[in-house]
Amino acid sequence: MNMRKIFTLIVSSMLISYCSLAQQEAQFSQNMFNQMAINPGVAGSTNSICATALYRQQWVGFKDIDGNKGAPETMMITAHGPVKLLKGGLGLGIMSDKLGFEKNLGVKLSYAYRLANLWTGNLGIGLQVGFLNKSVDFDKFKPIELDDPLLSTKGSQKDMLTDLGFGVYYSIPNKIYFGLSSSQLIENKGDFGKAEISLKRHYYVTAGYNYALPSNPSFELEPSFFIKSDATSTQIDLNLLVEYNKKFWGGIGYRTTDAAVVLIGINYKDFRFGYSYDITTSAMGKNGRSSGSHEIMLGYCFKIQKDAVIESNRNVRFL
């Protein structure tokens, strides 16, 4: 089977999945720094206004026979912070995703009601509304069978979908976190040329823990896991980071049926920089089809602190 057929089969299978199964959410390897993207309960979980930007090139080097890029490219920006007036926090997520001849642009708005001082931590109960704009350029497809009805649509087709998400997130700052969430709750549907888009409900479980080594507290172990499922298939990310002096970190991860991951990063003042490289273990990495996946991350947190009030009292003994 030549590369033209391989590429067409992959893209065609994705389109078929949209008709019958799911619109997959964006995938990132540095998920431990990207909680806001999948759980609205994170909004306002710290006494800071935090923003995170990620850019991912997946399956680098994968092209069709004409030399066109077919590998996914994803950019995401999230931001959240506490709002005392609302007794919780607000969050925003913006995602741009390109896969072959398909483009997606999504926006998610989140609110979380927060319960503080709960077992020495805090709990967020969040609701999210999302908007997804999808477009596919059917003119660029080269079907194996010329009379394929799914690919008989001409031109660029677009559609806009709206859906909801829900999540709970509990954390003890710099110690432990645990989250349960679900996206695309109402599984909205829309027309898409000859096909029908059907969003599939997704479920997420996240957890992580910070453990300072008793013999050398400058080093901290940070194990975490991320489970994602659409009730048809399930994928698990297992990660272990080692952080030194709250400044540098490095670690490894493993995503079942997909990739082994290497992660490095640095904290500088209120900024966080990270990079990860995926070593593809699935069939996509065989026969030189892909040289792996690259991902970079930039985060910034602005701490919300009240200015200290300096009070002075006149002592009657010293006028």
C-alpha atoms as a PDB file:
ATOM      1  CA  MET A   1       0.000   0.000   0.000  1.00  0.00           C
ATOM      2  CA  ASN A   2       1.542   3.342  -1.069  1.00  0.00           C
ATOM      3  CA  MET A   3       1.648   6.529   0.983  1.00  0.00           C
ATOM      4  CA  ARG A   4      -1.291   8.052  -0.928  1.00  0.00           C
ATOM      5  CA  LYS A   5      -3.547   5.187   0.128  1.00  0.00           C
ATOM      6  CA  ILE A   6      -2.243   5.207   3.687  1.00  0.00           C
ATOM      7  CA  PHE A   7      -2.946   8.920   4.090  1.00  0.00           C
ATOM      8  CA  THR A   8      -6.377   8.713   2.465  1.00  0.00           C
ATOM      9  CA  LEU A   9      -7.373   5.766   4.631  1.00  0.00           C
ATOM     10  CA  ILE A  10      -6.309   7.587   7.807  1.00  0.00           C
ATOM     11  CA  VAL A  11      -8.202  10.775   6.966  1.00  0.00           C
ATOM     12  CA  SER A  12     -11.243   8.862   5.716  1.00  0.00           C
ATOM     13  CA  SER A  13     -11.363   6.841   8.931  1.00  0.00           C
ATOM     14  CA  MET A  14     -11.293  10.090  10.915  1.00  0.00           C
ATOM     15  CA  LEU A  15     -14.240  11.446   8.957  1.00  0.00           C
ATOM     16  CA  ILE A  16     -16.156   8.220   9.479  1.00  0.00           C
ATOM     17  CA  SER A  17     -15.457   8.460  13.209  1.00  0.00           C
ATOM     18  CA  TYR A  18     -17.023  11.933  13.242  1.00  0.00           C
ATOM     19  CA  CYS A  19     -20.212  10.432  11.799  1.00  0.00           C
ATOM     20  CA  SER A  20     -20.440   7.555  14.275  1.00  0.00           C
ATOM     21  CA  LEU A  21     -18.211   8.165  17.276  1.00  0.00           C
ATOM     22  CA  ALA A  22     -16.408  11.274  18.435  1.00  0.00           C
ATOM     23  CA  GLN A  23     -14.687  14.586  18.008  1.00  0.00           C
ATOM     24  CA  GLN A  24     -11.461  13.903  19.877  1.00  0.00           C
ATOM     25  CA  GLU A  25     -10.158  16.553  22.247  1.00  0.00           C
ATOM     26  CA  ALA A  26      -6.671  17.962  21.762  1.00  0.00           C
ATOM     27  CA  GLN A  27      -3.853  15.846  23.196  1.00  0.00           C
ATOM     28  CA  PHE A  28      -0.851  17.152  25.146  1.00  0.00           C
ATOM     29  CA  SER A  29       2.014  15.424  26.937  1.00  0.00           C
ATOM     30  CA  GLN A  30       2.549  18.175  29.526  1.00  0.00           C
ATOM     31  CA  ASN A  31      -0.955  17.560  30.857  1.00  0.00           C
ATOM     32  CA  MET A  32       0.094  18.140  34.482  1.00  0.00           C
ATOM     33  CA  PHE A  33       0.563  21.841  33.591  1.00  0.00           C
ATOM     34  CA  ASN A  34      -2.608  22.009  31.498  1.00  0.00           C
ATOM     35  CA  GLN A  35      -5.401  21.093  33.937  1.00  0.00           C
ATOM     36  CA  MET A  36      -7.575  24.070  33.026  1.00  0.00           C
ATOM     37  CA  ALA A  37      -7.999  22.692  29.499  1.00  0.00           C
ATOM     38  CA  ILE A  38      -9.982  19.644  30.632  1.00  0.00           C
ATOM     39  CA  ASN A  39     -11.434  20.543  34.044  1.00  0.00           C
ATOM     40  CA  PRO A  40     -13.436  23.746  34.726  1.00  0.00           C
ATOM     41  CA  GLY A  41     -13.139  23.045  38.457  1.00  0.00           C
ATOM     42  CA  VAL A  42      -9.529  24.293  38.248  1.00  0.00           C
ATOM     43  CA  ALA A  43     -10.649  27.907  37.717  1.00  0.00           C
ATOM     44  CA  GLY A  44      -9.470  30.053  40.619  1.00  0.00           C
ATOM     45  CA  SER A  45      -7.715  27.172  42.411  1.00  0.00           C
ATOM     46  CA  THR A  46      -4.694  29.320  43.287  1.00  0.00           C
ATOM     47  CA  ASN A  47      -4.345  32.825  44.674  1.00  0.00           C
ATOM     48  CA  SER A  48      -2.973  33.851  41.273  1.00  0.00           C
ATOM     49  CA  ILE A  49      -3.993  34.769  37.759  1.00  0.00           C
ATOM     50  CA  CYS A  50      -2.340  32.056  35.662  1.00  0.00           C
ATOM     51  CA  ALA A  51      -1.982  31.660  31.904  1.00  0.00           C
ATOM     52  CA  THR A  52      -0.497  28.731  29.978  1.00  0.00           C
ATOM     53  CA  ALA A  53       0.308  28.445  26.275  1.00  0.00           C
ATOM     54  CA  LEU A  54       1.180  25.163  24.541  1.00  0.00           C
ATOM     55  CA  TYR A  55       2.199  24.352  20.999  1.00  0.00           C
ATOM     56  CA  ARG A  56       2.377  20.735  19.803  1.00  0.00           C
ATOM     57  CA  GLN A  57       3.653  19.195  16.575  1.00  0.00           C
ATOM     58  CA  GLN A  58       2.527  15.581  16.522  1.00  0.00           C
ATOM     59  CA  TRP A  59       3.997  12.854  14.303  1.00  0.00           C
ATOM     60  CA  VAL A  60       6.599  15.201  12.808  1.00  0.00           C
ATOM     61  CA  GLY A  61       7.554  14.264   9.261  1.00  0.00           C
ATOM     62  CA  PHE A  62       4.302  12.569   8.274  1.00  0.00           C
ATOM     63  CA  LYS A  63       3.260  13.715   4.761  1.00  0.00           C
ATOM     64  CA  ASP A  64       1.118  12.517   1.903  1.00  0.00           C
ATOM     65  CA  ILE A  65       2.557  11.475  -1.457  1.00  0.00           C
ATOM     66  CA  ASP A  66       2.340  15.046  -2.758  1.00  0.00           C
ATOM     67  CA  GLY A  67       4.484  16.313   0.126  1.00  0.00           C
ATOM     68  CA  ASN A  68       1.612  17.990   1.989  1.00  0.00           C
ATOM     69  CA  LYS A  69       1.801  17.968   5.762  1.00  0.00           C
ATOM     70  CA  GLY A  70      -0.738  15.622   7.311  1.00  0.00           C
ATOM     71  CA  ALA A  71       0.439  15.615  10.918  1.00  0.00           C
ATOM     72  CA  PRO A  72      -1.588  17.396  13.638  1.00  0.00           C
ATOM     73  CA  GLU A  73      -0.483  20.839  14.848  1.00  0.00           C
ATOM     74  CA  THR A  74      -2.198  22.167  17.951  1.00  0.00           C
ATOM     75  CA  MET A  75      -1.985  25.453  19.851  1.00  0.00           C
ATOM     76  CA  MET A  76      -3.794  26.138  23.107  1.00  0.00           C
ATOM     77  CA  ILE A  77      -3.967  29.069  25.523  1.00  0.00           C
ATOM     78  CA  THR A  78      -5.693  28.826  28.893  1.00  0.00           C
ATOM     79  CA  ALA A  79      -6.083  31.383  31.668  1.00  0.00           C
ATOM     80  CA  HIS A  80      -7.885  31.412  34.991  1.00  0.00           C
ATOM     81  CA  GLY A  81      -8.038  33.281  38.264  1.00  0.00           C
ATOM     82  CA  PRO A  82     -10.135  33.793  41.415  1.00  0.00           C
ATOM     83  CA  VAL A  83     -13.042  36.253  41.499  1.00  0.00           C
ATOM     84  CA  LYS A  84     -14.160  36.879  45.087  1.00  0.00           C
ATOM     85  CA  LEU A  85     -17.356  38.602  43.998  1.00  0.00           C
ATOM     86  CA  LEU A  86     -18.474  35.341  42.362  1.00  0.00           C
ATOM     87  CA  LYS A  87     -17.243  33.183  45.265  1.00  0.00           C
ATOM     88  CA  GLY A  88     -15.098  31.219  42.860  1.00  0.00           C
ATOM     89  CA  GLY A  89     -13.028  31.592  39.720  1.00  0.00           C
ATOM     90  CA  LEU A  90     -13.304  32.182  35.972  1.00  0.00           C
ATOM     91  CA  GLY A  91     -11.414  30.405  33.208  1.00  0.00           C
ATOM     92  CA  LEU A  92     -10.841  30.747  29.470  1.00  0.00           C
ATOM     93  CA  GLY A  93      -9.460  28.310  26.914  1.00  0.00           C
ATOM     94  CA  ILE A  94      -8.688  28.908  23.229  1.00  0.00           C
ATOM     95  CA  MET A  95      -7.612  26.041  20.960  1.00  0.00           C
ATOM     96  CA  SER A  96      -6.481  25.919  17.328  1.00  0.00           C
ATOM     97  CA  ASP A  97      -5.965  22.494  15.771  1.00  0.00           C
ATOM     98  CA  LYS A  98      -4.943  21.442  12.269  1.00  0.00           C
ATOM     99  CA  LEU A  99      -4.993  17.857  11.024  1.00  0.00           C
ATOM    100  CA  GLY A 100      -4.380  17.345   7.330  1.00  0.00           C
ATOM    101  CA  PHE A 101      -7.140  19.194   5.482  1.00  0.00           C
ATOM    102  CA  GLU A 102      -9.167  19.783   8.642  1.00  0.00           C
ATOM    103  CA  LYS A 103      -9.032  22.846  10.901  1.00  0.00           C
ATOM    104  CA  ASN A 104     -10.651  23.401  14.303  1.00  0.00           C
ATOM    105  CA  LEU A 105     -10.997  26.537  16.376  1.00  0.00           C
ATOM    106  CA  GLY A 106     -12.489  26.185  19.843  1.00  0.00           C
ATOM    107  CA  VAL A 107     -13.267  28.503  22.762  1.00  0.00           C
ATOM    108  CA  LYS A 108     -14.254  27.356  26.265  1.00  0.00           C
ATOM    109  CA  LEU A 109     -15.538  29.551  29.106  1.00  0.00           C
ATOM    110  CA  SER A 110     -15.521  28.198  32.651  1.00  0.00           C
ATOM    111  CA  TYR A 111     -16.784  29.085  36.109  1.00  0.00           C
ATOM    112  CA  ALA A 112     -15.975  27.243  39.344  1.00  0.00           C
ATOM    113  CA  TYR A 113     -17.594  27.672  42.738  1.00  0.00           C
ATOM    114  CA  ARG A 114     -14.891  27.273  45.356  1.00  0.00           C
ATOM    115  CA  LEU A 115     -14.979  25.791  48.858  1.00  0.00           C
ATOM    116  CA  ALA A 116     -11.904  26.808  50.856  1.00  0.00           C
ATOM    117  CA  ASN A 117     -10.359  25.202  53.953  1.00  0.00           C
ATOM    118  CA  LEU A 118     -11.749  21.785  53.122  1.00  0.00           C
ATOM    119  CA  TRP A 119      -9.479  19.161  54.734  1.00  0.00           C
ATOM    120  CA  THR A 120      -6.620  21.695  54.562  1.00  0.00           C
ATOM    121  CA  GLY A 121      -7.215  22.098  50.817  1.00  0.00           C
ATOM    122  CA  ASN A 122      -9.802  23.649  48.519  1.00  0.00           C
ATOM    123  CA  LEU A 123     -12.464  22.234  46.215  1.00  0.00           C
ATOM    124  CA  GLY A 124     -13.728  23.651  42.941  1.00  0.00           C
ATOM    125  CA  ILE A 125     -17.022  22.648  41.288  1.00  0.00           C
ATOM    126  CA  GLY A 126     -17.010  23.914  37.736  1.00  0.00           C
ATOM    127  CA  LEU A 127     -19.216  24.292  34.689  1.00  0.00           C
ATOM    128  CA  GLN A 128     -17.978  24.965  31.169  1.00  0.00           C
ATOM    129  CA  VAL A 129     -19.551  26.055  27.879  1.00  0.00           C
ATOM    130  CA  GLY A 130     -17.623  25.417  24.678  1.00  0.00           C
ATOM    131  CA  PHE A 131     -17.865  26.569  21.055  1.00  0.00           C
ATOM    132  CA  LEU A 132     -16.198  24.593  18.258  1.00  0.00           C
ATOM    133  CA  ASN A 133     -15.802  25.806  14.676  1.00  0.00           C
ATOM    134  CA  LYS A 134     -14.740  23.028  12.293  1.00  0.00           C
ATOM    135  CA  SER A 135     -13.796  23.239   8.618  1.00  0.00           C
ATOM    136  CA  VAL A 136     -12.607  20.646   6.090  1.00  0.00           C
ATOM    137  CA  ASP A 137     -11.356  21.342   2.560  1.00  0.00           C
ATOM    138  CA  PHE A 138     -12.811  18.458   0.536  1.00  0.00           C
ATOM    139  CA  ASP A 139     -11.159  19.641  -2.687  1.00  0.00           C
ATOM    140  CA  LYS A 140      -7.774  18.414  -1.406  1.00  0.00           C
ATOM    141  CA  PHE A 141      -8.865  14.826  -0.850  1.00  0.00           C
ATOM    142  CA  LYS A 142      -7.890  12.128  -3.329  1.00  0.00           C
ATOM    143  CA  PRO A 143     -10.279   9.220  -2.717  1.00  0.00           C
ATOM    144  CA  ILE A 144      -9.276   5.663  -3.550  1.00  0.00           C
ATOM    145  CA  GLU A 145     -12.747   5.132  -5.048  1.00  0.00           C
ATOM    146  CA  LEU A 146     -13.929   8.056  -7.186  1.00  0.00           C
ATOM    147  CA  ASP A 147     -17.563   7.434  -6.316  1.00  0.00           C
ATOM    148  CA  ASP A 148     -16.957   7.492  -2.548  1.00  0.00           C
ATOM    149  CA  PRO A 149     -20.098   9.335  -1.308  1.00  0.00           C
ATOM    150  CA  LEU A 150     -18.355  10.589   1.835  1.00  0.00           C
ATOM    151  CA  LEU A 151     -15.764  12.466  -0.240  1.00  0.00           C
ATOM    152  CA  SER A 152     -18.082  13.661  -3.010  1.00  0.00           C
ATOM    153  CA  THR A 153     -18.599  16.980  -1.188  1.00  0.00           C
ATOM    154  CA  LYS A 154     -16.812  19.897  -2.828  1.00  0.00           C
ATOM    155  CA  GLY A 155     -15.199  22.994  -1.383  1.00  0.00           C
ATOM    156  CA  SER A 156     -14.537  23.869   2.250  1.00  0.00           C
ATOM    157  CA  GLN A 157     -17.335  22.849   4.625  1.00  0.00           C
ATOM    158  CA  LYS A 158     -17.776  24.539   8.003  1.00  0.00           C
ATOM    159  CA  ASP A 159     -19.964  24.059  11.039  1.00  0.00           C
ATOM    160  CA  MET A 160     -20.244  25.486  14.555  1.00  0.00           C
ATOM    161  CA  LEU A 161     -21.108  23.347  17.576  1.00  0.00           C
ATOM    162  CA  THR A 162     -21.851  24.251  21.190  1.00  0.00           C
ATOM    163  CA  ASP A 163     -21.487  21.916  24.142  1.00  0.00           C
ATOM    164  CA  LEU A 164     -21.045  21.778  27.933  1.00  0.00           C
ATOM    165  CA  GLY A 165     -18.487  20.427  30.377  1.00  0.00           C
ATOM    166  CA  PHE A 166     -18.420  19.762  34.126  1.00  0.00           C
ATOM    167  CA  GLY A 167     -15.652  19.067  36.631  1.00  0.00           C
ATOM    168  CA  VAL A 168     -14.604  18.895  40.273  1.00  0.00           C
ATOM    169  CA  TYR A 169     -11.038  19.605  41.362  1.00  0.00           C
ATOM    170  CA  TYR A 170      -9.518  19.261  44.845  1.00  0.00           C
ATOM    171  CA  SER A 171      -6.031  20.442  45.703  1.00  0.00           C
ATOM    172  CA  ILE A 172      -3.685  21.119  48.581  1.00  0.00           C
ATOM    173  CA  PRO A 173      -1.224  23.653  47.096  1.00  0.00           C
ATOM    174  CA  ASN A 174       2.255  22.226  46.447  1.00  0.00           C
ATOM    175  CA  LYS A 175       1.144  18.890  47.863  1.00  0.00           C
ATOM    176  CA  ILE A 176      -1.608  16.983  46.061  1.00  0.00           C
ATOM    177  CA  TYR A 177      -4.382  17.371  43.480  1.00  0.00           C
ATOM    178  CA  PHE A 178      -7.229  15.214  42.197  1.00  0.00           C
ATOM    179  CA  GLY A 179      -9.777  15.931  39.485  1.00  0.00           C
ATOM    180  CA  LEU A 180     -12.819  14.376  37.805  1.00  0.00           C
ATOM    181  CA  SER A 181     -14.334  15.966  34.715  1.00  0.00           C
ATOM    182  CA  SER A 182     -16.308  15.392  31.548  1.00  0.00           C
ATOM    183  CA  SER A 183     -16.548  17.355  28.303  1.00  0.00           C
ATOM    184  CA  GLN A 184     -19.054  17.397  25.431  1.00  0.00           C
ATOM    185  CA  LEU A 185     -21.808  16.409  27.856  1.00  0.00           C
ATOM    186  CA  ILE A 186     -24.781  16.918  25.573  1.00  0.00           C
ATOM    187  CA  GLU A 187     -23.036  15.282  22.586  1.00  0.00           C
ATOM    188  CA  ASN A 188     -24.220  17.910  20.149  1.00  0.00           C
ATOM    189  CA  LYS A 189     -24.597  17.071  16.469  1.00  0.00           C
ATOM    190  CA  GLY A 190     -24.371  19.107  13.293  1.00  0.00           C
ATOM    191  CA  ASP A 191     -24.412  18.802   9.524  1.00  0.00           C
ATOM    192  CA  PHE A 192     -21.074  18.622   7.775  1.00  0.00           C
ATOM    193  CA  GLY A 193     -21.468  18.260   4.051  1.00  0.00           C
ATOM    194  CA  LYS A 194     -22.483  14.662   3.345  1.00  0.00           C
ATOM    195  CA  ALA A 195     -21.548  13.643   6.890  1.00  0.00           C
ATOM    196  CA  GLU A 196     -22.883  14.362  10.370  1.00  0.00           C
ATOM    197  CA  ILE A 197     -20.734  15.539  13.260  1.00  0.00           C
ATOM    198  CA  SER A 198     -21.494  13.795  16.539  1.00  0.00           C
ATOM    199  CA  LEU A 199     -19.498  14.961  19.544  1.00  0.00           C
ATOM    200  CA  LYS A 200     -18.714  12.123  21.922  1.00  0.00           C
ATOM    201  CA  ARG A 201     -18.760  12.586  25.678  1.00  0.00           C
ATOM    202  CA  HIS A 202     -15.262  12.372  27.196  1.00  0.00           C
ATOM    203  CA  TYR A 203     -14.316  11.506  30.786  1.00  0.00           C
ATOM    204  CA  TYR A 204     -11.123  12.503  32.602  1.00  0.00           C
ATOM    205  CA  VAL A 205      -9.417  11.532  35.854  1.00  0.00           C
ATOM    206  CA  THR A 206      -6.269  13.346  36.975  1.00  0.00           C
ATOM    207  CA  ALA A 207      -4.139  13.108  40.101  1.00  0.00           C
ATOM    208  CA  GLY A 208      -0.688  14.152  41.225  1.00  0.00           C
ATOM    209  CA  TYR A 209       1.465  14.316  44.338  1.00  0.00           C
ATOM    210  CA  ASN A 210       4.568  16.242  45.434  1.00  0.00           C
ATOM    211  CA  TYR A 211       6.978  14.334  47.680  1.00  0.00           C
ATOM    212  CA  ALA A 212      10.102  16.013  49.070  1.00  0.00           C
ATOM    213  CA  LEU A 213      12.940  13.581  49.699  1.00  0.00           C
ATOM    214  CA  PRO A 214      13.561  13.444  53.493  1.00  0.00           C
ATOM    215  CA  SER A 215      17.317  13.127  52.980  1.00  0.00           C
ATOM    216  CA  ASN A 216      17.443  16.086  50.590  1.00  0.00           C
ATOM    217  CA  PRO A 217      14.302  18.301  50.484  1.00  0.00           C
ATOM    218  CA  SER A 218      15.734  20.254  47.537  1.00  0.00           C
ATOM    219  CA  PHE A 219      14.627  17.327  45.373  1.00  0.00           C
ATOM    220  CA  GLU A 220      10.934  16.587  44.937  1.00  0.00           C
ATOM    221  CA  LEU A 221       9.321  13.626  43.205  1.00  0.00           C
ATOM    222  CA  GLU A 222       6.110  14.501  41.363  1.00  0.00           C
ATOM    223  CA  PRO A 223       4.249  11.407  40.120  1.00  0.00           C
ATOM    224  CA  SER A 224       0.976  11.956  38.259  1.00  0.00           C
ATOM    225  CA  PHE A 225      -1.488  10.168  36.044  1.00  0.00           C
ATOM    226  CA  PHE A 226      -4.114  11.190  33.515  1.00  0.00           C
ATOM    227  CA  ILE A 227      -6.926   8.864  32.405  1.00  0.00           C
ATOM    228  CA  LYS A 228      -9.075   9.821  29.418  1.00  0.00           C
ATOM    229  CA  SER A 229     -11.945   7.828  27.966  1.00  0.00           C
ATOM    230  CA  ASP A 230     -14.936   8.163  25.661  1.00  0.00           C
ATOM    231  CA  ALA A 231     -16.495   4.976  27.120  1.00  0.00           C
ATOM    232  CA  THR A 232     -15.358   3.137  23.985  1.00  0.00           C
ATOM    233  CA  SER A 233     -11.581   3.408  24.315  1.00  0.00           C
ATOM    234  CA  THR A 234      -9.389   4.459  27.241  1.00  0.00           C
ATOM    235  CA  GLN A 235      -5.886   5.906  27.328  1.00  0.00           C
ATOM    236  CA  ILE A 236      -3.656   6.391  30.377  1.00  0.00           C
ATOM    237  CA  ASP A 237      -0.735   8.806  30.806  1.00  0.00           C
ATOM    238  CA  LEU A 238       1.741   7.972  33.574  1.00  0.00           C
ATOM    239  CA  ASN A 239       4.356  10.597  34.471  1.00  0.00           C
ATOM    240  CA  LEU A 240       7.182  11.063  36.941  1.00  0.00           C
ATOM    241  CA  LEU A 241       8.978  14.398  37.308  1.00  0.00           C
ATOM    242  CA  VAL A 242      11.957  15.211  39.504  1.00  0.00           C
ATOM    243  CA  GLU A 243      12.195  18.879  40.497  1.00  0.00           C
ATOM    244  CA  TYR A 244      15.274  20.506  41.994  1.00  0.00           C
ATOM    245  CA  ASN A 245      15.082  23.543  44.246  1.00  0.00           C
ATOM    246  CA  LYS A 246      11.704  24.558  42.767  1.00  0.00           C
ATOM    247  CA  LYS A 247      13.588  25.689  39.630  1.00  0.00           C
ATOM    248  CA  PHE A 248      14.468  22.812  37.326  1.00  0.00           C
ATOM    249  CA  TRP A 249      12.606  19.656  36.461  1.00  0.00           C
ATOM    250  CA  GLY A 250      12.986  16.644  34.233  1.00  0.00           C
ATOM    251  CA  GLY A 251      11.129  13.399  33.893  1.00  0.00           C
ATOM    252  CA  ILE A 252       9.617  10.643  31.844  1.00  0.00           C
ATOM    253  CA  GLY A 253       6.124   9.597  30.868  1.00  0.00           C
ATOM    254  CA  TYR A 254       4.301   6.826  29.086  1.00  0.00           C
ATOM    255  CA  ARG A 255       1.033   7.019  27.143  1.00  0.00           C
ATOM    256  CA  THR A 256      -0.533   3.620  26.605  1.00  0.00           C
ATOM    257  CA  THR A 257      -0.634   2.421  22.974  1.00  0.00           C
ATOM    258  CA  ASP A 258       1.002   5.644  21.785  1.00  0.00           C
ATOM    259  CA  ALA A 259       4.323   6.981  23.080  1.00  0.00           C
ATOM    260  CA  ALA A 260       7.085   7.256  25.635  1.00  0.00           C
ATOM    261  CA  VAL A 261       7.749  10.853  26.692  1.00  0.00           C
ATOM    262  CA  VAL A 262      10.784  12.842  27.881  1.00  0.00           C
ATOM    263  CA  LEU A 263      10.096  16.141  29.710  1.00  0.00           C
ATOM    264  CA  ILE A 264      12.334  18.995  30.867  1.00  0.00           C
ATOM    265  CA  GLY A 265      11.621  22.491  32.174  1.00  0.00           C
ATOM    266  CA  ILE A 266      12.596  25.462  34.280  1.00  0.00           C
ATOM    267  CA  ASN A 267      10.911  27.970  36.577  1.00  0.00           C
ATOM    268  CA  TYR A 268      12.183  31.539  36.311  1.00  0.00           C
ATOM    269  CA  LYS A 269      10.552  34.058  38.641  1.00  0.00           C
ATOM    270  CA  ASP A 270       6.833  33.921  37.762  1.00  0.00           C
ATOM    271  CA  PHE A 271       7.439  32.143  34.435  1.00  0.00           C
ATOM    272  CA  ARG A 272       7.509  28.443  33.593  1.00  0.00           C
ATOM    273  CA  PHE A 273       9.110  26.966  30.478  1.00  0.00           C
ATOM    274  CA  GLY A 274       8.719  23.347  29.429  1.00  0.00           C
ATOM    275  CA  TYR A 275       9.528  21.011  26.552  1.00  0.00           C
ATOM    276  CA  SER A 276       8.531  17.427  25.856  1.00  0.00           C
ATOM    277  CA  TYR A 277       9.432  14.925  23.161  1.00  0.00           C
ATOM    278  CA  ASP A 278       7.291  11.909  22.341  1.00  0.00           C
ATOM    279  CA  ILE A 279       8.946   8.747  21.082  1.00  0.00           C
ATOM    280  CA  THR A 280       6.125   7.206  19.067  1.00  0.00           C
ATOM    281  CA  THR A 281       5.532   3.546  19.920  1.00  0.00           C
ATOM    282  CA  SER A 282       2.391   3.049  17.812  1.00  0.00           C
ATOM    283  CA  ALA A 283       2.300   1.999  14.152  1.00  0.00           C
ATOM    284  CA  MET A 284       2.618   5.674  13.169  1.00  0.00           C
ATOM    285  CA  GLY A 285       6.256   5.622  14.308  1.00  0.00           C
ATOM    286  CA  LYS A 286       7.215   2.590  12.240  1.00  0.00           C
ATOM    287  CA  ASN A 287       8.816   2.600   8.799  1.00  0.00           C
ATOM    288  CA  GLY A 288       9.989   6.181   9.276  1.00  0.00           C
ATOM    289  CA  ARG A 289       6.507   7.706   8.933  1.00  0.00           C
ATOM    290  CA  SER A 290       7.102   9.933  11.953  1.00  0.00           C
ATOM    291  CA  SER A 291      10.157  11.130  13.855  1.00  0.00           C
ATOM    292  CA  GLY A 292       8.130  11.725  17.033  1.00  0.00           C
ATOM    293  CA  SER A 293       6.202  14.644  18.521  1.00  0.00           C
ATOM    294  CA  HIS A 294       7.442  17.961  19.936  1.00  0.00           C
ATOM    295  CA  GLU A 295       5.686  20.170  22.459  1.00  0.00           C
ATOM    296  CA  ILE A 296       6.650  23.461  24.095  1.00  0.00           C
ATOM    297  CA  MET A 297       4.958  25.159  27.027  1.00  0.00           C
ATOM    298  CA  LEU A 298       5.063  28.662  28.487  1.00  0.00           C
ATOM    299  CA  GLY A 299       3.284  29.529  31.715  1.00  0.00           C
ATOM    300  CA  TYR A 300       2.958  32.678  33.791  1.00  0.00           C
ATOM    301  CA  CYS A 301       1.312  33.275  37.165  1.00  0.00           C
ATOM    302  CA  PHE A 302       0.650  36.710  38.630  1.00  0.00           C
ATOM    303  CA  LYS A 303       0.251  36.394  42.376  1.00  0.00           C
ATOM    304  CA  ILE A 304      -2.651  38.269  43.910  1.00  0.00           C
ATOM    305  CA  GLN A 305      -1.488  39.791  47.175  1.00  0.00           C
ATOM    306  CA  LYS A 306      -2.812  42.599  49.258  1.00  0.00           C
ATOM    307  CA  ASP A 307      -0.403  45.426  49.892  1.00  0.00           C
ATOM    308  CA  ALA A 308       0.765  45.379  53.470  1.00  0.00           C
ATOM    309  CA  VAL A 309      -0.649  48.247  55.512  1.00  0.00           C
ATOM    310  CA  ILE A 310       1.987  49.899  57.655  1.00  0.00           C
ATOM    311  CA  GLU A 311       0.486  51.280  60.821  1.00  0.00           C
ATOM    312  CA  SER A 312       2.210  53.620  63.269  1.00  0.00           C
ATOM    313  CA  ASN A 313       1.170  54.577  66.780  1.00  0.00           C
ATOM    314  CA  ARG A 314       2.454  57.605  68.640  1.00  0.00           C
ATOM    315  CA  ASN A 315       3.925  56.781  71.996  1.00  0.00           C
ATOM    316  CA  VAL A 316       2.940  59.417  74.547  1.00  0.00           C
ATOM    317  CA  ARG A 317       6.298  59.033  76.239  1.00  0.00           C
ATOM    318  CA  PHE A 318       8.152  60.272  73.140  1.00  0.00           C
ATOM    319  CA  LEU A 319       6.615  63.391  71.547  1.00  0.00           C
END
